[in-house]
Amino acid sequence: MTDTYGIQVTEGRHPVVEAMAGSFVPNDLCLNEQTHMVLLTGPNAAGKSTYVRQAALLVILAQIGSFVPVETATIGVVDRIFTRVGAADFLARGLSTFMVEMQETANILQQATHKSLIILDEVGRGTGTSDGQAIAQAVAELLAQSIKAKTLFTTHYHELARLADTIPGITNARLEIREENEEVTFLYKVVPGAAQKSYGVYVAKLAGLPAEVIERAKEILAKGSE
């Protein structure tokens, strides 16, 4: 533990997932004054949420003086950890899942500081594509340019990857996959660069959607890309 800004983890693991699965693919993490936001893209079910939640858990474990499942780690003390993950509504108060998402995001933007750690998992997915992408980009820009907290930002809006070209402090990372003969293998390894596809149809196939639905979805997807 240090009083510096950065978080540097080598071969970090998620102890809960590892305990349940029996094995785990470790990953590195580097957040510092020069690179304080990681825009993480990649397929559904490839491990994006696990990676960002793992980062928050490692920081908590370190700050309470616990064992930390890493090869090495240098972790600067954070004042708060903010998270915006998952989907939940509050129907008794008339709050949709998207309204809850926006309220939680607003709370983060209003209270986070330069010394905070922020985990944002798929901001803007609860509304229309155009609105959602615009909100996600605006949130990312504010965090990177004004608040400058250490931030892990997962998204399926691949267009956001271009922010790394124009805004200092943002870098792109993706979950690596191997694709052979229309079969996809998730490698659960975080590597530099931006993903080009989400592989949502493939994940739907793994989930057990009927073959006719999968084939029709492929046809619609192919027409949309023409």
C-alpha atoms as a PDB file:
ATOM      1  CA  MET A   1       0.000   0.000   0.000  1.00  0.00           C
ATOM      2  CA  THR A   2       1.241   3.487  -0.834  1.00  0.00           C
ATOM      3  CA  ASP A   3       0.023   7.072  -0.673  1.00  0.00           C
ATOM      4  CA  THR A   4       0.544   7.474  -4.420  1.00  0.00           C
ATOM      5  CA  TYR A   5      -2.212   7.672  -7.048  1.00  0.00           C
ATOM      6  CA  GLY A   6      -1.708   4.505  -9.042  1.00  0.00           C
ATOM      7  CA  ILE A   7      -2.803   0.876  -8.920  1.00  0.00           C
ATOM      8  CA  GLN A   8      -0.406  -1.679 -10.402  1.00  0.00           C
ATOM      9  CA  VAL A   9      -1.391  -5.355 -10.254  1.00  0.00           C
ATOM     10  CA  THR A  10       0.455  -8.292 -11.786  1.00  0.00           C
ATOM     11  CA  GLU A  11      -1.365 -11.601 -12.243  1.00  0.00           C
ATOM     12  CA  GLY A  12      -4.389 -10.585 -10.198  1.00  0.00           C
ATOM     13  CA  ARG A  13      -7.180 -13.095  -9.544  1.00  0.00           C
ATOM     14  CA  HIS A  14     -10.777 -12.954  -8.292  1.00  0.00           C
ATOM     15  CA  PRO A  15     -10.715 -15.086  -5.124  1.00  0.00           C
ATOM     16  CA  VAL A  16     -14.445 -15.868  -5.068  1.00  0.00           C
ATOM     17  CA  VAL A  17     -14.676 -16.887  -8.726  1.00  0.00           C
ATOM     18  CA  GLU A  18     -11.471 -18.899  -8.403  1.00  0.00           C
ATOM     19  CA  ALA A  19     -12.775 -20.717  -5.333  1.00  0.00           C
ATOM     20  CA  MET A  20     -16.027 -21.634  -7.079  1.00  0.00           C
ATOM     21  CA  ALA A  21     -14.526 -22.510 -10.476  1.00  0.00           C
ATOM     22  CA  GLY A  22     -11.403 -24.237  -9.208  1.00  0.00           C
ATOM     23  CA  SER A  23      -9.182 -22.314 -11.629  1.00  0.00           C
ATOM     24  CA  PHE A  24      -8.785 -18.756 -12.858  1.00  0.00           C
ATOM     25  CA  VAL A  25      -6.981 -16.904 -15.652  1.00  0.00           C
ATOM     26  CA  PRO A  26      -5.030 -14.078 -13.957  1.00  0.00           C
ATOM     27  CA  ASN A  27      -4.776 -10.579 -15.432  1.00  0.00           C
ATOM     28  CA  ASP A  28      -2.732  -7.435 -14.946  1.00  0.00           C
ATOM     29  CA  LEU A  29      -4.039  -3.949 -14.215  1.00  0.00           C
ATOM     30  CA  CYS A  30      -2.301  -0.597 -14.496  1.00  0.00           C
ATOM     31  CA  LEU A  31      -3.940   2.711 -13.575  1.00  0.00           C
ATOM     32  CA  ASN A  32      -1.827   5.812 -13.018  1.00  0.00           C
ATOM     33  CA  GLU A  33      -1.722   9.572 -13.556  1.00  0.00           C
ATOM     34  CA  GLN A  34      -0.992   9.099 -17.261  1.00  0.00           C
ATOM     35  CA  THR A  35      -3.562   6.328 -17.850  1.00  0.00           C
ATOM     36  CA  HIS A  36      -6.421   6.663 -15.394  1.00  0.00           C
ATOM     37  CA  MET A  37      -9.302   5.222 -17.467  1.00  0.00           C
ATOM     38  CA  VAL A  38      -9.477   1.817 -19.137  1.00  0.00           C
ATOM     39  CA  LEU A  39     -12.227   1.424 -21.750  1.00  0.00           C
ATOM     40  CA  LEU A  40     -12.844  -2.317 -21.774  1.00  0.00           C
ATOM     41  CA  THR A  41     -14.632  -3.975 -24.685  1.00  0.00           C
ATOM     42  CA  GLY A  42     -15.209  -7.596 -25.623  1.00  0.00           C
ATOM     43  CA  PRO A  43     -17.852 -10.295 -26.077  1.00  0.00           C
ATOM     44  CA  ASN A  44     -20.689 -10.971 -23.693  1.00  0.00           C
ATOM     45  CA  ALA A  45     -19.693 -13.623 -21.129  1.00  0.00           C
ATOM     46  CA  ALA A  46     -15.989 -13.123 -21.893  1.00  0.00           C
ATOM     47  CA  GLY A  47     -15.096 -11.807 -18.441  1.00  0.00           C
ATOM     48  CA  LYS A  48     -15.386  -7.996 -18.552  1.00  0.00           C
ATOM     49  CA  SER A  49     -17.520  -7.736 -15.420  1.00  0.00           C
ATOM     50  CA  THR A  50     -15.341 -10.202 -13.539  1.00  0.00           C
ATOM     51  CA  TYR A  51     -12.219  -8.189 -14.387  1.00  0.00           C
ATOM     52  CA  VAL A  52     -13.540  -4.843 -13.198  1.00  0.00           C
ATOM     53  CA  ARG A  53     -15.172  -6.221 -10.057  1.00  0.00           C
ATOM     54  CA  GLN A  54     -11.961  -8.082  -9.322  1.00  0.00           C
ATOM     55  CA  ALA A  55     -10.107  -4.755  -9.347  1.00  0.00           C
ATOM     56  CA  ALA A  56     -12.476  -3.277  -6.773  1.00  0.00           C
ATOM     57  CA  LEU A  57     -12.253  -6.372  -4.590  1.00  0.00           C
ATOM     58  CA  LEU A  58      -8.447  -6.401  -4.670  1.00  0.00           C
ATOM     59  CA  VAL A  59      -8.335  -2.772  -3.540  1.00  0.00           C
ATOM     60  CA  ILE A  60     -10.760  -3.458  -0.691  1.00  0.00           C
ATOM     61  CA  LEU A  61      -8.766  -6.493   0.448  1.00  0.00           C
ATOM     62  CA  ALA A  62      -5.514  -4.520   0.343  1.00  0.00           C
ATOM     63  CA  GLN A  63      -6.897  -1.562   2.279  1.00  0.00           C
ATOM     64  CA  ILE A  64      -8.265  -3.734   5.097  1.00  0.00           C
ATOM     65  CA  GLY A  65      -4.897  -5.468   5.426  1.00  0.00           C
ATOM     66  CA  SER A  66      -6.001  -8.789   3.951  1.00  0.00           C
ATOM     67  CA  PHE A  67      -4.187 -11.279   1.785  1.00  0.00           C
ATOM     68  CA  VAL A  68      -4.411 -10.199  -1.862  1.00  0.00           C
ATOM     69  CA  PRO A  69      -4.449 -12.894  -4.593  1.00  0.00           C
ATOM     70  CA  VAL A  70      -1.836 -11.427  -6.945  1.00  0.00           C
ATOM     71  CA  GLU A  71       1.739 -12.048  -8.024  1.00  0.00           C
ATOM     72  CA  THR A  72       2.660  -8.473  -7.094  1.00  0.00           C
ATOM     73  CA  ALA A  73       0.660  -5.328  -6.371  1.00  0.00           C
ATOM     74  CA  THR A  74       1.317  -1.686  -5.572  1.00  0.00           C
ATOM     75  CA  ILE A  75      -1.965  -0.081  -4.581  1.00  0.00           C
ATOM     76  CA  GLY A  76      -2.492   3.560  -3.764  1.00  0.00           C
ATOM     77  CA  VAL A  77      -5.099   4.235  -1.098  1.00  0.00           C
ATOM     78  CA  VAL A  78      -8.489   5.281  -2.503  1.00  0.00           C
ATOM     79  CA  ASP A  79     -11.016   7.425  -0.655  1.00  0.00           C
ATOM     80  CA  ARG A  80     -14.052   5.589  -2.046  1.00  0.00           C
ATOM     81  CA  ILE A  81     -15.005   2.846  -4.470  1.00  0.00           C
ATOM     82  CA  PHE A  82     -18.020   3.624  -6.648  1.00  0.00           C
ATOM     83  CA  THR A  83     -19.741   0.968  -8.758  1.00  0.00           C
ATOM     84  CA  ARG A  84     -22.522   1.001 -11.336  1.00  0.00           C
ATOM     85  CA  VAL A  85     -23.162  -2.595 -12.308  1.00  0.00           C
ATOM     86  CA  GLY A  86     -26.062  -4.904 -13.026  1.00  0.00           C
ATOM     87  CA  ALA A  87     -29.731  -4.103 -13.584  1.00  0.00           C
ATOM     88  CA  ALA A  88     -32.311  -3.387 -10.888  1.00  0.00           C
ATOM     89  CA  ASP A  89     -35.555  -1.475 -10.689  1.00  0.00           C
ATOM     90  CA  PHE A  90     -37.575   0.012  -7.829  1.00  0.00           C
ATOM     91  CA  LEU A  91     -41.129  -0.305  -9.127  1.00  0.00           C
ATOM     92  CA  ALA A  92     -42.721   0.635  -5.804  1.00  0.00           C
ATOM     93  CA  ARG A  93     -41.251   4.106  -6.274  1.00  0.00           C
ATOM     94  CA  GLY A  94     -41.847   4.237 -10.011  1.00  0.00           C
ATOM     95  CA  LEU A  95     -38.179   3.784 -10.892  1.00  0.00           C
ATOM     96  CA  SER A  96     -37.326   1.778 -14.009  1.00  0.00           C
ATOM     97  CA  THR A  97     -34.029  -0.046 -14.407  1.00  0.00           C
ATOM     98  CA  PHE A  98     -32.730   2.786 -16.585  1.00  0.00           C
ATOM     99  CA  MET A  99     -33.775   5.441 -14.053  1.00  0.00           C
ATOM    100  CA  VAL A 100     -31.986   3.541 -11.285  1.00  0.00           C
ATOM    101  CA  GLU A 101     -28.924   3.263 -13.525  1.00  0.00           C
ATOM    102  CA  MET A 102     -28.938   6.998 -14.209  1.00  0.00           C
ATOM    103  CA  GLN A 103     -29.445   7.880 -10.531  1.00  0.00           C
ATOM    104  CA  GLU A 104     -26.507   5.714  -9.538  1.00  0.00           C
ATOM    105  CA  THR A 105     -24.369   7.226 -12.296  1.00  0.00           C
ATOM    106  CA  ALA A 106     -25.359  10.735 -11.206  1.00  0.00           C
ATOM    107  CA  ASN A 107     -24.372   9.925  -7.625  1.00  0.00           C
ATOM    108  CA  ILE A 108     -20.934   8.823  -8.807  1.00  0.00           C
ATOM    109  CA  LEU A 109     -20.339  11.911 -10.929  1.00  0.00           C
ATOM    110  CA  GLN A 110     -21.409  14.204  -8.091  1.00  0.00           C
ATOM    111  CA  GLN A 111     -19.348  12.565  -5.338  1.00  0.00           C
ATOM    112  CA  ALA A 112     -16.271  10.950  -6.867  1.00  0.00           C
ATOM    113  CA  THR A 113     -12.887  12.599  -6.449  1.00  0.00           C
ATOM    114  CA  HIS A 114      -9.460  12.319  -8.009  1.00  0.00           C
ATOM    115  CA  LYS A 115      -8.620   9.684  -5.371  1.00  0.00           C
ATOM    116  CA  SER A 116     -11.639   7.453  -6.017  1.00  0.00           C
ATOM    117  CA  LEU A 117     -11.862   4.133  -7.863  1.00  0.00           C
ATOM    118  CA  ILE A 118     -14.867   3.906 -10.206  1.00  0.00           C
ATOM    119  CA  ILE A 119     -16.321   0.784 -11.812  1.00  0.00           C
ATOM    120  CA  LEU A 120     -18.848   1.467 -14.587  1.00  0.00           C
ATOM    121  CA  ASP A 121     -20.266  -1.625 -16.259  1.00  0.00           C
ATOM    122  CA  GLU A 122     -22.250  -0.951 -19.450  1.00  0.00           C
ATOM    123  CA  VAL A 123     -23.540   2.548 -18.746  1.00  0.00           C
ATOM    124  CA  GLY A 124     -26.311   3.567 -21.146  1.00  0.00           C
ATOM    125  CA  ARG A 125     -27.483   0.098 -22.152  1.00  0.00           C
ATOM    126  CA  GLY A 126     -30.938   0.537 -20.631  1.00  0.00           C
ATOM    127  CA  THR A 127     -32.244   2.914 -23.301  1.00  0.00           C
ATOM    128  CA  GLY A 128     -32.154   3.388 -27.074  1.00  0.00           C
ATOM    129  CA  THR A 129     -28.821   2.861 -28.796  1.00  0.00           C
ATOM    130  CA  SER A 130     -28.285   6.479 -29.842  1.00  0.00           C
ATOM    131  CA  ASP A 131     -29.252   7.941 -26.461  1.00  0.00           C
ATOM    132  CA  GLY A 132     -27.312   5.303 -24.566  1.00  0.00           C
ATOM    133  CA  GLN A 133     -24.143   5.780 -26.568  1.00  0.00           C
ATOM    134  CA  ALA A 134     -24.333   9.552 -26.214  1.00  0.00           C
ATOM    135  CA  ILE A 135     -24.758   9.278 -22.440  1.00  0.00           C
ATOM    136  CA  ALA A 136     -21.938   6.747 -22.118  1.00  0.00           C
ATOM    137  CA  GLN A 137     -19.553   8.948 -24.088  1.00  0.00           C
ATOM    138  CA  ALA A 138     -20.464  12.075 -22.143  1.00  0.00           C
ATOM    139  CA  VAL A 139     -19.930  10.261 -18.831  1.00  0.00           C
ATOM    140  CA  ALA A 140     -16.570   8.892 -19.976  1.00  0.00           C
ATOM    141  CA  GLU A 141     -15.440  12.328 -21.149  1.00  0.00           C
ATOM    142  CA  LEU A 142     -16.356  13.998 -17.838  1.00  0.00           C
ATOM    143  CA  LEU A 143     -14.574  11.349 -15.809  1.00  0.00           C
ATOM    144  CA  ALA A 144     -11.448  11.425 -17.944  1.00  0.00           C
ATOM    145  CA  GLN A 145     -11.160  15.179 -18.363  1.00  0.00           C
ATOM    146  CA  SER A 146     -12.532  16.668 -15.146  1.00  0.00           C
ATOM    147  CA  ILE A 147     -12.736  14.198 -12.265  1.00  0.00           C
ATOM    148  CA  LYS A 148      -9.757  12.058 -13.350  1.00  0.00           C
ATOM    149  CA  ALA A 149     -10.546   9.257 -10.927  1.00  0.00           C
ATOM    150  CA  LYS A 150      -9.156   5.799 -11.550  1.00  0.00           C
ATOM    151  CA  THR A 151     -11.871   4.290 -13.748  1.00  0.00           C
ATOM    152  CA  LEU A 152     -12.678   0.948 -15.358  1.00  0.00           C
ATOM    153  CA  PHE A 153     -15.384   1.455 -17.976  1.00  0.00           C
ATOM    154  CA  THR A 154     -16.846  -1.572 -19.772  1.00  0.00           C
ATOM    155  CA  THR A 155     -18.960  -1.004 -22.864  1.00  0.00           C
ATOM    156  CA  HIS A 156     -20.438  -2.606 -25.960  1.00  0.00           C
ATOM    157  CA  TYR A 157     -20.418   0.769 -27.692  1.00  0.00           C
ATOM    158  CA  HIS A 158     -17.288   0.062 -29.696  1.00  0.00           C
ATOM    159  CA  GLU A 159     -17.411   3.586 -31.089  1.00  0.00           C
ATOM    160  CA  LEU A 160     -16.216   4.861 -27.711  1.00  0.00           C
ATOM    161  CA  ALA A 161     -12.807   3.339 -28.398  1.00  0.00           C
ATOM    162  CA  ARG A 162     -11.935   6.394 -30.494  1.00  0.00           C
ATOM    163  CA  LEU A 163     -11.878   8.510 -27.309  1.00  0.00           C
ATOM    164  CA  ALA A 164      -8.457   7.067 -26.570  1.00  0.00           C
ATOM    165  CA  ASP A 165      -7.162   8.853 -29.671  1.00  0.00           C
ATOM    166  CA  THR A 166      -8.233  12.312 -28.519  1.00  0.00           C
ATOM    167  CA  ILE A 167      -8.486  12.348 -24.707  1.00  0.00           C
ATOM    168  CA  PRO A 168      -5.335  11.960 -22.595  1.00  0.00           C
ATOM    169  CA  GLY A 169      -5.627   9.384 -19.831  1.00  0.00           C
ATOM    170  CA  ILE A 170      -7.883   6.932 -21.689  1.00  0.00           C
ATOM    171  CA  THR A 171      -6.610   3.602 -22.985  1.00  0.00           C
ATOM    172  CA  ASN A 172      -8.389   0.715 -24.710  1.00  0.00           C
ATOM    173  CA  ALA A 173      -8.353  -2.895 -23.577  1.00  0.00           C
ATOM    174  CA  ARG A 174     -10.316  -5.939 -24.682  1.00  0.00           C
ATOM    175  CA  LEU A 175     -11.008  -9.522 -23.705  1.00  0.00           C
ATOM    176  CA  GLU A 176      -9.187 -11.828 -26.072  1.00  0.00           C
ATOM    177  CA  ILE A 177     -11.073 -14.514 -28.000  1.00  0.00           C
ATOM    178  CA  ARG A 178     -10.169 -17.224 -30.494  1.00  0.00           C
ATOM    179  CA  GLU A 179     -12.522 -17.733 -33.443  1.00  0.00           C
ATOM    180  CA  GLU A 180     -12.275 -20.834 -35.640  1.00  0.00           C
ATOM    181  CA  ASN A 181     -14.885 -22.327 -37.982  1.00  0.00           C
ATOM    182  CA  GLU A 182     -17.690 -20.206 -36.497  1.00  0.00           C
ATOM    183  CA  GLU A 183     -16.778 -21.404 -33.003  1.00  0.00           C
ATOM    184  CA  VAL A 184     -15.671 -18.881 -30.409  1.00  0.00           C
ATOM    185  CA  THR A 185     -13.413 -19.611 -27.455  1.00  0.00           C
ATOM    186  CA  PHE A 186     -13.242 -17.110 -24.619  1.00  0.00           C
ATOM    187  CA  LEU A 187      -9.658 -16.863 -23.352  1.00  0.00           C
ATOM    188  CA  TYR A 188     -10.462 -14.543 -20.403  1.00  0.00           C
ATOM    189  CA  LYS A 189      -7.273 -12.599 -21.030  1.00  0.00           C
ATOM    190  CA  VAL A 190      -7.224  -8.792 -21.041  1.00  0.00           C
ATOM    191  CA  VAL A 191      -5.025  -7.409 -23.824  1.00  0.00           C
ATOM    192  CA  PRO A 192      -4.453  -3.926 -25.296  1.00  0.00           C
ATOM    193  CA  GLY A 193      -6.760  -2.652 -28.045  1.00  0.00           C
ATOM    194  CA  ALA A 194     -10.479  -2.477 -28.773  1.00  0.00           C
ATOM    195  CA  ALA A 195     -12.863  -5.299 -29.674  1.00  0.00           C
ATOM    196  CA  GLN A 196     -14.589  -5.182 -33.044  1.00  0.00           C
ATOM    197  CA  LYS A 197     -17.589  -7.431 -32.300  1.00  0.00           C
ATOM    198  CA  SER A 198     -19.770  -8.397 -29.342  1.00  0.00           C
ATOM    199  CA  TYR A 199     -20.602 -11.999 -30.356  1.00  0.00           C
ATOM    200  CA  GLY A 200     -24.036 -11.644 -28.810  1.00  0.00           C
ATOM    201  CA  VAL A 201     -25.613 -14.130 -31.221  1.00  0.00           C
ATOM    202  CA  TYR A 202     -23.010 -16.724 -30.324  1.00  0.00           C
ATOM    203  CA  VAL A 203     -23.692 -16.240 -26.617  1.00  0.00           C
ATOM    204  CA  ALA A 204     -27.424 -16.584 -27.326  1.00  0.00           C
ATOM    205  CA  LYS A 205     -26.635 -19.908 -29.002  1.00  0.00           C
ATOM    206  CA  LEU A 206     -24.688 -21.052 -25.929  1.00  0.00           C
ATOM    207  CA  ALA A 207     -27.649 -20.054 -23.773  1.00  0.00           C
ATOM    208  CA  GLY A 208     -29.892 -22.448 -25.702  1.00  0.00           C
ATOM    209  CA  LEU A 209     -31.995 -20.255 -27.970  1.00  0.00           C
ATOM    210  CA  PRO A 210     -33.653 -22.345 -30.715  1.00  0.00           C
ATOM    211  CA  ALA A 211     -31.579 -22.900 -33.847  1.00  0.00           C
ATOM    212  CA  GLU A 212     -34.136 -21.110 -36.035  1.00  0.00           C
ATOM    213  CA  VAL A 213     -33.856 -17.999 -33.870  1.00  0.00           C
ATOM    214  CA  ILE A 214     -30.063 -18.070 -34.073  1.00  0.00           C
ATOM    215  CA  GLU A 215     -30.049 -18.495 -37.849  1.00  0.00           C
ATOM    216  CA  ARG A 216     -32.591 -15.722 -38.331  1.00  0.00           C
ATOM    217  CA  ALA A 217     -30.584 -13.415 -36.066  1.00  0.00           C
ATOM    218  CA  LYS A 218     -27.498 -14.108 -38.184  1.00  0.00           C
ATOM    219  CA  GLU A 219     -29.428 -13.204 -41.342  1.00  0.00           C
ATOM    220  CA  ILE A 220     -30.666  -9.936 -39.837  1.00  0.00           C
ATOM    221  CA  LEU A 221     -27.164  -9.106 -38.584  1.00  0.00           C
ATOM    222  CA  ALA A 222     -25.660  -9.790 -42.003  1.00  0.00           C
ATOM    223  CA  LYS A 223     -28.197  -7.523 -43.731  1.00  0.00           C
ATOM    224  CA  GLY A 224     -27.536  -4.746 -41.248  1.00  0.00           C
ATOM    225  CA  SER A 225     -23.822  -4.795 -41.997  1.00  0.00           C
ATOM    226  CA  GLU A 226     -24.263  -4.676 -45.784  1.00  0.00           C
END
